[in-house]
Amino acid sequence: MRKTDFKRIEKLILQECEERLCELHRNVTTAVIGEARRLAATRPVSIALSPNYVAIYVHGKTVGDDEKPDCDIYSADNDDTDGLIELLETLQQIDVYDLEEDEDDAEALS
């Protein structure tokens, strides 16, 4: 799996919306990327970026017999400050946990 370049993604988001962003919006965008980085310390995190939105994929433990990882998707429009604040608050509520514990839990369920 490729390592996510959070600095590059943050720079792209800010460049894409530079003319439309106020200082609050810039700070919230930076905080959203910071939360994704925090989560990436213990689990795979992917970010999809377009000119209009950012989506953060937070991968969790494997579930079921097919061994596919659980994945939650969180997204917001790049130019919607309130939506980005809501995304930030949602990401902040996700507990950081150890992937090894998830693997142990998955083995216990099988």
PDB file of N, CA and C in Angstrom:
ATOM      1  N   MET A   1       0.841  -1.177   0.000  1.00  0.00           N
ATOM      2  CA  MET A   1       0.000   0.000   0.000  1.00  0.00           C
ATOM      3  C   MET A   1       0.890   1.244   0.000  1.00  0.00           C
ATOM      4  N   ARG A   2       0.537   2.205  -0.824  1.00  0.00           N
ATOM      5  CA  ARG A   2       1.298   3.450  -0.910  1.00  0.00           C
ATOM      6  C   ARG A   2       1.046   4.322   0.308  1.00  0.00           C
ATOM      7  N   LYS A   3       2.088   4.963   0.772  1.00  0.00           N
ATOM      8  CA  LYS A   3       1.956   5.872   1.903  1.00  0.00           C
ATOM      9  C   LYS A   3       1.295   7.169   1.431  1.00  0.00           C
ATOM     10  N   THR A   4       0.354   7.650   2.207  1.00  0.00           N
ATOM     11  CA  THR A   4      -0.358   8.870   1.868  1.00  0.00           C
ATOM     12  C   THR A   4       0.519  10.085   2.159  1.00  0.00           C
ATOM     13  N   ASP A   5       0.637  10.977   1.189  1.00  0.00           N
ATOM     14  CA  ASP A   5       1.422  12.198   1.340  1.00  0.00           C
ATOM     15  C   ASP A   5       0.489  13.327   1.791  1.00  0.00           C
ATOM     16  N   PHE A   6       0.316  13.443   3.111  1.00  0.00           N
ATOM     17  CA  PHE A   6      -0.646  14.395   3.657  1.00  0.00           C
ATOM     18  C   PHE A   6      -0.279  15.844   3.354  1.00  0.00           C
ATOM     19  N   LYS A   7       0.993  16.177   3.386  1.00  0.00           N
ATOM     20  CA  LYS A   7       1.413  17.554   3.092  1.00  0.00           C
ATOM     21  C   LYS A   7       1.029  17.935   1.667  1.00  0.00           C
ATOM     22  N   ARG A   8       1.251  17.025   0.718  1.00  0.00           N
ATOM     23  CA  ARG A   8       0.927  17.277  -0.683  1.00  0.00           C
ATOM     24  C   ARG A   8      -0.581  17.447  -0.854  1.00  0.00           C
ATOM     25  N   ILE A   9      -1.357  16.596  -0.188  1.00  0.00           N
ATOM     26  CA  ILE A   9      -2.813  16.667  -0.300  1.00  0.00           C
ATOM     27  C   ILE A   9      -3.328  17.982   0.276  1.00  0.00           C
ATOM     28  N   GLU A  10      -2.812  18.352   1.442  1.00  0.00           N
ATOM     29  CA  GLU A  10      -3.220  19.618   2.052  1.00  0.00           C
ATOM     30  C   GLU A  10      -2.898  20.785   1.118  1.00  0.00           C
ATOM     31  N   LYS A  11      -1.722  20.768   0.530  1.00  0.00           N
ATOM     32  CA  LYS A  11      -1.306  21.830  -0.389  1.00  0.00           C
ATOM     33  C   LYS A  11      -2.231  21.883  -1.605  1.00  0.00           C
ATOM     34  N   LEU A  12      -2.594  20.721  -2.146  1.00  0.00           N
ATOM     35  CA  LEU A  12      -3.489  20.676  -3.307  1.00  0.00           C
ATOM     36  C   LEU A  12      -4.867  21.236  -2.975  1.00  0.00           C
ATOM     37  N   ILE A  13      -5.392  20.858  -1.810  1.00  0.00           N
ATOM     38  CA  ILE A  13      -6.709  21.368  -1.412  1.00  0.00           C
ATOM     39  C   ILE A  13      -6.662  22.886  -1.300  1.00  0.00           C
ATOM     40  N   LEU A  14      -5.651  23.385  -0.621  1.00  0.00           N
ATOM     41  CA  LEU A  14      -5.563  24.830  -0.413  1.00  0.00           C
ATOM     42  C   LEU A  14      -5.327  25.578  -1.717  1.00  0.00           C
ATOM     43  N   GLN A  15      -4.530  25.017  -2.618  1.00  0.00           N
ATOM     44  CA  GLN A  15      -4.303  25.656  -3.917  1.00  0.00           C
ATOM     45  C   GLN A  15      -5.581  25.675  -4.739  1.00  0.00           C
ATOM     46  N   GLU A  16      -6.311  24.565  -4.718  1.00  0.00           N
ATOM     47  CA  GLU A  16      -7.514  24.431  -5.529  1.00  0.00           C
ATOM     48  C   GLU A  16      -8.566  25.475  -5.145  1.00  0.00           C
ATOM     49  N   CYS A  17      -8.659  25.772  -3.870  1.00  0.00           N
ATOM     50  CA  CYS A  17      -9.706  26.671  -3.396  1.00  0.00           C
ATOM     51  C   CYS A  17      -9.163  28.016  -2.927  1.00  0.00           C
ATOM     52  N   GLU A  18      -7.922  28.310  -3.229  1.00  0.00           N
ATOM     53  CA  GLU A  18      -7.222  29.485  -2.686  1.00  0.00           C
ATOM     54  C   GLU A  18      -8.045  30.770  -2.773  1.00  0.00           C
ATOM     55  N   GLU A  19      -8.649  31.023  -3.907  1.00  0.00           N
ATOM     56  CA  GLU A  19      -9.360  32.281  -4.090  1.00  0.00           C
ATOM     57  C   GLU A  19     -10.648  32.344  -3.283  1.00  0.00           C
ATOM     58  N   ARG A  20     -11.210  31.185  -2.958  1.00  0.00           N
ATOM     59  CA  ARG A  20     -12.499  31.160  -2.267  1.00  0.00           C
ATOM     60  C   ARG A  20     -12.365  30.990  -0.758  1.00  0.00           C
ATOM     61  N   LEU A  21     -11.163  30.704  -0.282  1.00  0.00           N
ATOM     62  CA  LEU A  21     -11.004  30.343   1.121  1.00  0.00           C
ATOM     63  C   LEU A  21     -10.781  31.546   2.034  1.00  0.00           C
ATOM     64  N   CYS A  22     -11.489  31.561   3.135  1.00  0.00           N
ATOM     65  CA  CYS A  22     -11.204  32.531   4.182  1.00  0.00           C
ATOM     66  C   CYS A  22     -10.236  31.873   5.172  1.00  0.00           C
ATOM     67  N   GLU A  23      -9.741  32.627   6.120  1.00  0.00           N
ATOM     68  CA  GLU A  23      -8.762  32.099   7.082  1.00  0.00           C
ATOM     69  C   GLU A  23      -9.338  30.926   7.880  1.00  0.00           C
ATOM     70  N   LEU A  24     -10.599  31.022   8.314  1.00  0.00           N
ATOM     71  CA  LEU A  24     -11.233  29.926   9.051  1.00  0.00           C
ATOM     72  C   LEU A  24     -11.250  28.664   8.203  1.00  0.00           C
ATOM     73  N   HIS A  25     -11.607  28.831   6.944  1.00  0.00           N
ATOM     74  CA  HIS A  25     -11.685  27.686   6.039  1.00  0.00           C
ATOM     75  C   HIS A  25     -10.309  27.030   5.885  1.00  0.00           C
ATOM     76  N   ARG A  26      -9.285  27.834   5.742  1.00  0.00           N
ATOM     77  CA  ARG A  26      -7.922  27.296   5.640  1.00  0.00           C
ATOM     78  C   ARG A  26      -7.557  26.509   6.894  1.00  0.00           C
ATOM     79  N   ASN A  27      -7.870  27.078   8.063  1.00  0.00           N
ATOM     80  CA  ASN A  27      -7.544  26.410   9.324  1.00  0.00           C
ATOM     81  C   ASN A  27      -8.299  25.095   9.482  1.00  0.00           C
ATOM     82  N   VAL A  28      -9.567  25.090   9.089  1.00  0.00           N
ATOM     83  CA  VAL A  28     -10.364  23.866   9.194  1.00  0.00           C
ATOM     84  C   VAL A  28      -9.827  22.808   8.235  1.00  0.00           C
ATOM     85  N   THR A  29      -9.486  23.210   7.023  1.00  0.00           N
ATOM     86  CA  THR A  29      -8.925  22.267   6.053  1.00  0.00           C
ATOM     87  C   THR A  29      -7.639  21.652   6.588  1.00  0.00           C
ATOM     88  N   THR A  30      -6.782  22.473   7.147  1.00  0.00           N
ATOM     89  CA  THR A  30      -5.533  21.977   7.724  1.00  0.00           C
ATOM     90  C   THR A  30      -5.820  21.021   8.881  1.00  0.00           C
ATOM     91  N   ALA A  31      -6.816  21.340   9.701  1.00  0.00           N
ATOM     92  CA  ALA A  31      -7.174  20.471  10.827  1.00  0.00           C
ATOM     93  C   ALA A  31      -7.737  19.134  10.351  1.00  0.00           C
ATOM     94  N   VAL A  32      -8.531  19.138   9.277  1.00  0.00           N
ATOM     95  CA  VAL A  32      -9.068  17.886   8.727  1.00  0.00           C
ATOM     96  C   VAL A  32      -7.923  16.978   8.282  1.00  0.00           C
ATOM     97  N   ILE A  33      -6.952  17.542   7.579  1.00  0.00           N
ATOM     98  CA  ILE A  33      -5.801  16.750   7.141  1.00  0.00           C
ATOM     99  C   ILE A  33      -5.008  16.272   8.354  1.00  0.00           C
ATOM    100  N   GLY A  34      -4.908  17.111   9.379  1.00  0.00           N
ATOM    101  CA  GLY A  34      -4.224  16.706  10.611  1.00  0.00           C
ATOM    102  C   GLY A  34      -4.905  15.528  11.285  1.00  0.00           C
ATOM    103  N   GLU A  35      -6.227  15.525  11.303  1.00  0.00           N
ATOM    104  CA  GLU A  35      -6.967  14.397  11.881  1.00  0.00           C
ATOM    105  C   GLU A  35      -6.757  13.133  11.057  1.00  0.00           C
ATOM    106  N   ALA A  36      -6.742  13.273   9.738  1.00  0.00           N
ATOM    107  CA  ALA A  36      -6.475  12.107   8.885  1.00  0.00           C
ATOM    108  C   ALA A  36      -5.078  11.566   9.173  1.00  0.00           C
ATOM    109  N   ARG A  37      -4.138  12.456   9.370  1.00  0.00           N
ATOM    110  CA  ARG A  37      -2.760  12.054   9.696  1.00  0.00           C
ATOM    111  C   ARG A  37      -2.728  11.333  11.047  1.00  0.00           C
ATOM    112  N   ARG A  38      -3.481  11.844  12.023  1.00  0.00           N
ATOM    113  CA  ARG A  38      -3.543  11.213  13.351  1.00  0.00           C
ATOM    114  C   ARG A  38      -4.074   9.785  13.235  1.00  0.00           C
ATOM    115  N   LEU A  39      -5.126   9.623  12.471  1.00  0.00           N
ATOM    116  CA  LEU A  39      -5.707   8.293  12.291  1.00  0.00           C
ATOM    117  C   LEU A  39      -4.765   7.373  11.532  1.00  0.00           C
ATOM    118  N   ALA A  40      -4.018   7.931  10.591  1.00  0.00           N
ATOM    119  CA  ALA A  40      -3.104   7.127   9.771  1.00  0.00           C
ATOM    120  C   ALA A  40      -1.941   6.568  10.588  1.00  0.00           C
ATOM    121  N   ALA A  41      -1.745   7.071  11.784  1.00  0.00           N
ATOM    122  CA  ALA A  41      -0.669   6.551  12.632  1.00  0.00           C
ATOM    123  C   ALA A  41      -0.952   5.122  13.070  1.00  0.00           C
ATOM    124  N   THR A  42      -2.220   4.723  13.072  1.00  0.00           N
ATOM    125  CA  THR A  42      -2.564   3.385  13.562  1.00  0.00           C
ATOM    126  C   THR A  42      -3.376   2.539  12.594  1.00  0.00           C
ATOM    127  N   ARG A  43      -3.762   3.089  11.477  1.00  0.00           N
ATOM    128  CA  ARG A  43      -4.573   2.320  10.525  1.00  0.00           C
ATOM    129  C   ARG A  43      -4.421   2.920   9.134  1.00  0.00           C
ATOM    130  N   PRO A  44      -4.735   2.154   8.104  1.00  0.00           N
ATOM    131  CA  PRO A  44      -4.658   2.702   6.746  1.00  0.00           C
ATOM    132  C   PRO A  44      -5.715   3.795   6.533  1.00  0.00           C
ATOM    133  N   VAL A  45      -5.283   4.896   5.981  1.00  0.00           N
ATOM    134  CA  VAL A  45      -6.172   6.007   5.654  1.00  0.00           C
ATOM    135  C   VAL A  45      -5.872   6.425   4.218  1.00  0.00           C
ATOM    136  N   SER A  46      -6.921   6.583   3.423  1.00  0.00           N
ATOM    137  CA  SER A  46      -6.766   7.052   2.046  1.00  0.00           C
ATOM    138  C   SER A  46      -7.549   8.346   1.896  1.00  0.00           C
ATOM    139  N   ILE A  47      -7.088   9.195   1.005  1.00  0.00           N
ATOM    140  CA  ILE A  47      -7.790  10.449   0.753  1.00  0.00           C
ATOM    141  C   ILE A  47      -8.039  10.583  -0.742  1.00  0.00           C
ATOM    142  N   ALA A  48      -9.294  10.864  -1.095  1.00  0.00           N
ATOM    143  CA  ALA A  48      -9.654  11.146  -2.486  1.00  0.00           C
ATOM    144  C   ALA A  48      -9.919  12.646  -2.569  1.00  0.00           C
ATOM    145  N   LEU A  49      -9.344  13.256  -3.561  1.00  0.00           N
ATOM    146  CA  LEU A  49      -9.427  14.703  -3.688  1.00  0.00           C
ATOM    147  C   LEU A  49      -9.888  15.077  -5.086  1.00  0.00           C
ATOM    148  N   SER A  50     -10.853  15.960  -5.153  1.00  0.00           N
ATOM    149  CA  SER A  50     -11.269  16.520  -6.435  1.00  0.00           C
ATOM    150  C   SER A  50     -11.327  18.035  -6.250  1.00  0.00           C
ATOM    151  N   PRO A  51     -11.552  18.772  -7.319  1.00  0.00           N
ATOM    152  CA  PRO A  51     -11.668  20.227  -7.151  1.00  0.00           C
ATOM    153  C   PRO A  51     -12.843  20.632  -6.258  1.00  0.00           C
ATOM    154  N   ASN A  52     -13.815  19.740  -6.095  1.00  0.00           N
ATOM    155  CA  ASN A  52     -15.021  20.102  -5.356  1.00  0.00           C
ATOM    156  C   ASN A  52     -15.170  19.468  -3.983  1.00  0.00           C
ATOM    157  N   TYR A  53     -14.489  18.363  -3.718  1.00  0.00           N
ATOM    158  CA  TYR A  53     -14.694  17.695  -2.433  1.00  0.00           C
ATOM    159  C   TYR A  53     -13.433  16.964  -1.995  1.00  0.00           C
ATOM    160  N   VAL A  54     -13.439  16.613  -0.720  1.00  0.00           N
ATOM    161  CA  VAL A  54     -12.404  15.761  -0.157  1.00  0.00           C
ATOM    162  C   VAL A  54     -13.125  14.597   0.526  1.00  0.00           C
ATOM    163  N   ALA A  55     -12.630  13.393   0.300  1.00  0.00           N
ATOM    164  CA  ALA A  55     -13.179  12.205   0.954  1.00  0.00           C
ATOM    165  C   ALA A  55     -12.046  11.489   1.665  1.00  0.00           C
ATOM    166  N   ILE A  56     -12.294  11.106   2.901  1.00  0.00           N
ATOM    167  CA  ILE A  56     -11.294  10.409   3.695  1.00  0.00           C
ATOM    168  C   ILE A  56     -11.826   9.018   3.983  1.00  0.00           C
ATOM    169  N   TYR A  57     -11.049   8.022   3.565  1.00  0.00           N
ATOM    170  CA  TYR A  57     -11.401   6.620   3.758  1.00  0.00           C
ATOM    171  C   TYR A  57     -10.608   6.108   4.950  1.00  0.00           C
ATOM    172  N   VAL A  58     -11.308   5.688   5.992  1.00  0.00           N
ATOM    173  CA  VAL A  58     -10.660   5.161   7.189  1.00  0.00           C
ATOM    174  C   VAL A  58     -10.908   3.660   7.205  1.00  0.00           C
ATOM    175  N   HIS A  59      -9.839   2.915   7.016  1.00  0.00           N
ATOM    176  CA  HIS A  59      -9.932   1.465   6.944  1.00  0.00           C
ATOM    177  C   HIS A  59      -9.790   0.881   8.340  1.00  0.00           C
ATOM    178  N   GLY A  60     -10.622  -0.083   8.639  1.00  0.00           N
ATOM    179  CA  GLY A  60     -10.593  -0.711   9.954  1.00  0.00           C
ATOM    180  C   GLY A  60     -10.241  -2.172   9.862  1.00  0.00           C
ATOM    181  N   LYS A  61     -10.799  -2.942  10.789  1.00  0.00           N
ATOM    182  CA  LYS A  61     -10.479  -4.362  10.863  1.00  0.00           C
ATOM    183  C   LYS A  61     -11.143  -5.143   9.735  1.00  0.00           C
ATOM    184  N   THR A  62     -10.622  -6.334   9.484  1.00  0.00           N
ATOM    185  CA  THR A  62     -11.233  -7.202   8.488  1.00  0.00           C
ATOM    186  C   THR A  62     -12.496  -7.802   9.087  1.00  0.00           C
ATOM    187  N   VAL A  63     -13.498  -7.954   8.261  1.00  0.00           N
ATOM    188  CA  VAL A  63     -14.767  -8.497   8.735  1.00  0.00           C
ATOM    189  C   VAL A  63     -15.232  -9.598   7.802  1.00  0.00           C
ATOM    190  N   GLY A  64     -15.871 -10.591   8.359  1.00  0.00           N
ATOM    191  CA  GLY A  64     -16.443 -11.660   7.556  1.00  0.00           C
ATOM    192  C   GLY A  64     -15.424 -12.642   7.033  1.00  0.00           C
ATOM    193  N   ASP A  65     -15.938 -13.628   6.298  1.00  0.00           N
ATOM    194  CA  ASP A  65     -15.092 -14.698   5.775  1.00  0.00           C
ATOM    195  C   ASP A  65     -14.232 -14.246   4.597  1.00  0.00           C
ATOM    196  N   ASP A  66     -14.642 -13.200   3.913  1.00  0.00           N
ATOM    197  CA  ASP A  66     -13.905 -12.781   2.719  1.00  0.00           C
ATOM    198  C   ASP A  66     -12.671 -11.940   3.043  1.00  0.00           C
ATOM    199  N   GLU A  67     -12.451 -11.635   4.318  1.00  0.00           N
ATOM    200  CA  GLU A  67     -11.262 -10.911   4.773  1.00  0.00           C
ATOM    201  C   GLU A  67     -11.121  -9.526   4.142  1.00  0.00           C
ATOM    202  N   LYS A  68     -12.217  -8.933   3.730  1.00  0.00           N
ATOM    203  CA  LYS A  68     -12.154  -7.567   3.203  1.00  0.00           C
ATOM    204  C   LYS A  68     -12.162  -6.600   4.381  1.00  0.00           C
ATOM    205  N   PRO A  69     -11.322  -5.578   4.328  1.00  0.00           N
ATOM    206  CA  PRO A  69     -11.293  -4.641   5.448  1.00  0.00           C
ATOM    207  C   PRO A  69     -12.542  -3.769   5.490  1.00  0.00           C
ATOM    208  N   ASP A  70     -12.965  -3.475   6.687  1.00  0.00           N
ATOM    209  CA  ASP A  70     -14.044  -2.535   6.914  1.00  0.00           C
ATOM    210  C   ASP A  70     -13.533  -1.146   6.529  1.00  0.00           C
ATOM    211  N   CYS A  71     -14.376  -0.333   5.918  1.00  0.00           N
ATOM    212  CA  CYS A  71     -13.928   0.996   5.497  1.00  0.00           C
ATOM    213  C   CYS A  71     -15.075   1.990   5.676  1.00  0.00           C
ATOM    214  N   ASP A  72     -14.786   3.081   6.371  1.00  0.00           N
ATOM    215  CA  ASP A  72     -15.754   4.159   6.524  1.00  0.00           C
ATOM    216  C   ASP A  72     -15.293   5.340   5.678  1.00  0.00           C
ATOM    217  N   ILE A  73     -16.250   5.988   5.027  1.00  0.00           N
ATOM    218  CA  ILE A  73     -15.931   7.107   4.143  1.00  0.00           C
ATOM    219  C   ILE A  73     -16.549   8.380   4.722  1.00  0.00           C
ATOM    220  N   TYR A  74     -15.719   9.400   4.854  1.00  0.00           N
ATOM    221  CA  TYR A  74     -16.157  10.695   5.360  1.00  0.00           C
ATOM    222  C   TYR A  74     -15.803  11.733   4.302  1.00  0.00           C
ATOM    223  N   SER A  75     -16.760  12.604   3.962  1.00  0.00           N
ATOM    224  CA  SER A  75     -16.460  13.568   2.902  1.00  0.00           C
ATOM    225  C   SER A  75     -17.151  14.905   3.158  1.00  0.00           C
ATOM    226  N   ALA A  76     -16.665  15.913   2.453  1.00  0.00           N
ATOM    227  CA  ALA A  76     -17.256  17.253   2.508  1.00  0.00           C
ATOM    228  C   ALA A  76     -16.855  18.005   1.250  1.00  0.00           C
ATOM    229  N   ASP A  77     -17.658  18.999   0.902  1.00  0.00           N
ATOM    230  CA  ASP A  77     -17.306  19.885  -0.209  1.00  0.00           C
ATOM    231  C   ASP A  77     -16.142  20.769   0.216  1.00  0.00           C
ATOM    232  N   ASN A  78     -15.187  20.965  -0.687  1.00  0.00           N
ATOM    233  CA  ASN A  78     -14.020  21.794  -0.377  1.00  0.00           C
ATOM    234  C   ASN A  78     -14.375  23.239  -0.056  1.00  0.00           C
ATOM    235  N   ASP A  79     -15.433  23.756  -0.655  1.00  0.00           N
ATOM    236  CA  ASP A  79     -15.758  25.170  -0.447  1.00  0.00           C
ATOM    237  C   ASP A  79     -16.856  25.391   0.593  1.00  0.00           C
ATOM    238  N   ASP A  80     -17.202  24.352   1.344  1.00  0.00           N
ATOM    239  CA  ASP A  80     -18.240  24.433   2.369  1.00  0.00           C
ATOM    240  C   ASP A  80     -17.585  24.386   3.752  1.00  0.00           C
ATOM    241  N   THR A  81     -17.360  25.551   4.346  1.00  0.00           N
ATOM    242  CA  THR A  81     -16.680  25.609   5.644  1.00  0.00           C
ATOM    243  C   THR A  81     -17.452  24.834   6.703  1.00  0.00           C
ATOM    244  N   ASP A  82     -18.775  24.994   6.749  1.00  0.00           N
ATOM    245  CA  ASP A  82     -19.570  24.271   7.748  1.00  0.00           C
ATOM    246  C   ASP A  82     -19.459  22.763   7.559  1.00  0.00           C
ATOM    247  N   GLY A  83     -19.472  22.320   6.307  1.00  0.00           N
ATOM    248  CA  GLY A  83     -19.326  20.889   6.025  1.00  0.00           C
ATOM    249  C   GLY A  83     -17.967  20.365   6.444  1.00  0.00           C
ATOM    250  N   LEU A  84     -16.924  21.168   6.222  1.00  0.00           N
ATOM    251  CA  LEU A  84     -15.579  20.766   6.640  1.00  0.00           C
ATOM    252  C   LEU A  84     -15.464  20.731   8.162  1.00  0.00           C
ATOM    253  N   ILE A  85     -16.123  21.667   8.849  1.00  0.00           N
ATOM    254  CA  ILE A  85     -16.117  21.654  10.314  1.00  0.00           C
ATOM    255  C   ILE A  85     -16.805  20.393  10.822  1.00  0.00           C
ATOM    256  N   GLU A  86     -17.926  20.039  10.209  1.00  0.00           N
ATOM    257  CA  GLU A  86     -18.629  18.809  10.584  1.00  0.00           C
ATOM    258  C   GLU A  86     -17.755  17.579  10.326  1.00  0.00           C
ATOM    259  N   LEU A  87     -17.066  17.561   9.197  1.00  0.00           N
ATOM    260  CA  LEU A  87     -16.146  16.467   8.882  1.00  0.00           C
ATOM    261  C   LEU A  87     -15.045  16.392   9.932  1.00  0.00           C
ATOM    262  N   LEU A  88     -14.489  17.532  10.303  1.00  0.00           N
ATOM    263  CA  LEU A  88     -13.440  17.580  11.327  1.00  0.00           C
ATOM    264  C   LEU A  88     -13.948  17.012  12.647  1.00  0.00           C
ATOM    265  N   GLU A  89     -15.135  17.439  13.071  1.00  0.00           N
ATOM    266  CA  GLU A  89     -15.695  16.953  14.332  1.00  0.00           C
ATOM    267  C   GLU A  89     -15.928  15.449  14.293  1.00  0.00           C
ATOM    268  N   THR A  90     -16.374  14.946  13.157  1.00  0.00           N
ATOM    269  CA  THR A  90     -16.587  13.503  13.013  1.00  0.00           C
ATOM    270  C   THR A  90     -15.270  12.752  13.113  1.00  0.00           C
ATOM    271  N   LEU A  91     -14.248  13.229  12.430  1.00  0.00           N
ATOM    272  CA  LEU A  91     -12.944  12.566  12.475  1.00  0.00           C
ATOM    273  C   LEU A  91     -12.357  12.602  13.882  1.00  0.00           C
ATOM    274  N   GLN A  92     -12.586  13.696  14.609  1.00  0.00           N
ATOM    275  CA  GLN A  92     -12.056  13.813  15.964  1.00  0.00           C
ATOM    276  C   GLN A  92     -12.692  12.804  16.913  1.00  0.00           C
ATOM    277  N   GLN A  93     -13.870  12.317  16.589  1.00  0.00           N
ATOM    278  CA  GLN A  93     -14.560  11.362  17.450  1.00  0.00           C
ATOM    279  C   GLN A  93     -14.103   9.927  17.228  1.00  0.00           C
ATOM    280  N   ILE A  94     -13.327   9.691  16.193  1.00  0.00           N
ATOM    281  CA  ILE A  94     -12.852   8.337  15.911  1.00  0.00           C
ATOM    282  C   ILE A  94     -11.694   8.032  16.840  1.00  0.00           C
ATOM    283  N   ASP A  95     -11.818   6.938  17.577  1.00  0.00           N
ATOM    284  CA  ASP A  95     -10.756   6.537  18.496  1.00  0.00           C
ATOM    285  C   ASP A  95      -9.575   5.980  17.729  1.00  0.00           C
ATOM    286  N   VAL A  96      -8.399   6.309  18.205  1.00  0.00           N
ATOM    287  CA  VAL A  96      -7.184   5.718  17.656  1.00  0.00           C
ATOM    288  C   VAL A  96      -7.007   4.385  18.360  1.00  0.00           C
ATOM    289  N   TYR A  97      -6.825   3.349  17.592  1.00  0.00           N
ATOM    290  CA  TYR A  97      -6.618   2.030  18.179  1.00  0.00           C
ATOM    291  C   TYR A  97      -5.538   1.306  17.410  1.00  0.00           C
ATOM    292  N   ASP A  98      -5.067   0.254  17.993  1.00  0.00           N
ATOM    293  CA  ASP A  98      -3.981  -0.513  17.404  1.00  0.00           C
ATOM    294  C   ASP A  98      -4.542  -1.527  16.416  1.00  0.00           C
ATOM    295  N   LEU A  99      -3.999  -1.563  15.211  1.00  0.00           N
ATOM    296  CA  LEU A  99      -4.460  -2.519  14.200  1.00  0.00           C
ATOM    297  C   LEU A  99      -4.267  -3.958  14.653  1.00  0.00           C
ATOM    298  N   GLU A 100      -3.237  -4.221  15.453  1.00  0.00           N
ATOM    299  CA  GLU A 100      -3.017  -5.583  15.935  1.00  0.00           C
ATOM    300  C   GLU A 100      -4.195  -6.053  16.767  1.00  0.00           C
ATOM    301  N   GLU A 101      -4.788  -5.167  17.558  1.00  0.00           N
ATOM    302  CA  GLU A 101      -5.968  -5.529  18.335  1.00  0.00           C
ATOM    303  C   GLU A 101      -7.106  -5.915  17.405  1.00  0.00           C
ATOM    304  N   ASP A 102      -7.274  -5.188  16.300  1.00  0.00           N
ATOM    305  CA  ASP A 102      -8.308  -5.526  15.328  1.00  0.00           C
ATOM    306  C   ASP A 102      -8.069  -6.898  14.732  1.00  0.00           C
ATOM    307  N   GLU A 103      -6.816  -7.194  14.391  1.00  0.00           N
ATOM    308  CA  GLU A 103      -6.497  -8.494  13.817  1.00  0.00           C
ATOM    309  C   GLU A 103      -6.790  -9.598  14.816  1.00  0.00           C
ATOM    310  N   ASP A 104      -6.480  -9.363  16.090  1.00  0.00           N
ATOM    311  CA  ASP A 104      -6.788 -10.343  17.130  1.00  0.00           C
ATOM    312  C   ASP A 104      -8.292 -10.531  17.253  1.00  0.00           C
ATOM    313  N   ASP A 105      -9.047  -9.426  17.199  1.00  0.00           N
ATOM    314  CA  ASP A 105     -10.505  -9.506  17.266  1.00  0.00           C
ATOM    315  C   ASP A 105     -11.063 -10.279  16.079  1.00  0.00           C
ATOM    316  N   ALA A 106     -10.533 -10.043  14.887  1.00  0.00           N
ATOM    317  CA  ALA A 106     -11.002 -10.733  13.682  1.00  0.00           C
ATOM    318  C   ALA A 106     -10.726 -12.230  13.786  1.00  0.00           C
ATOM    319  N   GLU A 107      -9.555 -12.593  14.311  1.00  0.00           N
ATOM    320  CA  GLU A 107      -9.237 -14.011  14.480  1.00  0.00           C
ATOM    321  C   GLU A 107     -10.155 -14.645  15.513  1.00  0.00           C
ATOM    322  N   ALA A 108     -10.488 -13.921  16.561  1.00  0.00           N
ATOM    323  CA  ALA A 108     -11.363 -14.450  17.602  1.00  0.00           C
ATOM    324  C   ALA A 108     -12.771 -14.697  17.066  1.00  0.00           C
ATOM    325  N   LEU A 109     -13.201 -13.880  16.114  1.00  0.00           N
ATOM    326  CA  LEU A 109     -14.534 -14.044  15.540  1.00  0.00           C
ATOM    327  C   LEU A 109     -14.621 -15.208  14.567  1.00  0.00           C
ATOM    328  N   SER A 110     -13.490 -15.626  13.992  1.00  0.00           N
ATOM    329  CA  SER A 110     -13.536 -16.690  12.992  1.00  0.00           C
ATOM    330  C   SER A 110     -13.476 -18.062  13.602  1.00  0.00           C
TER     331      SER A 110
END
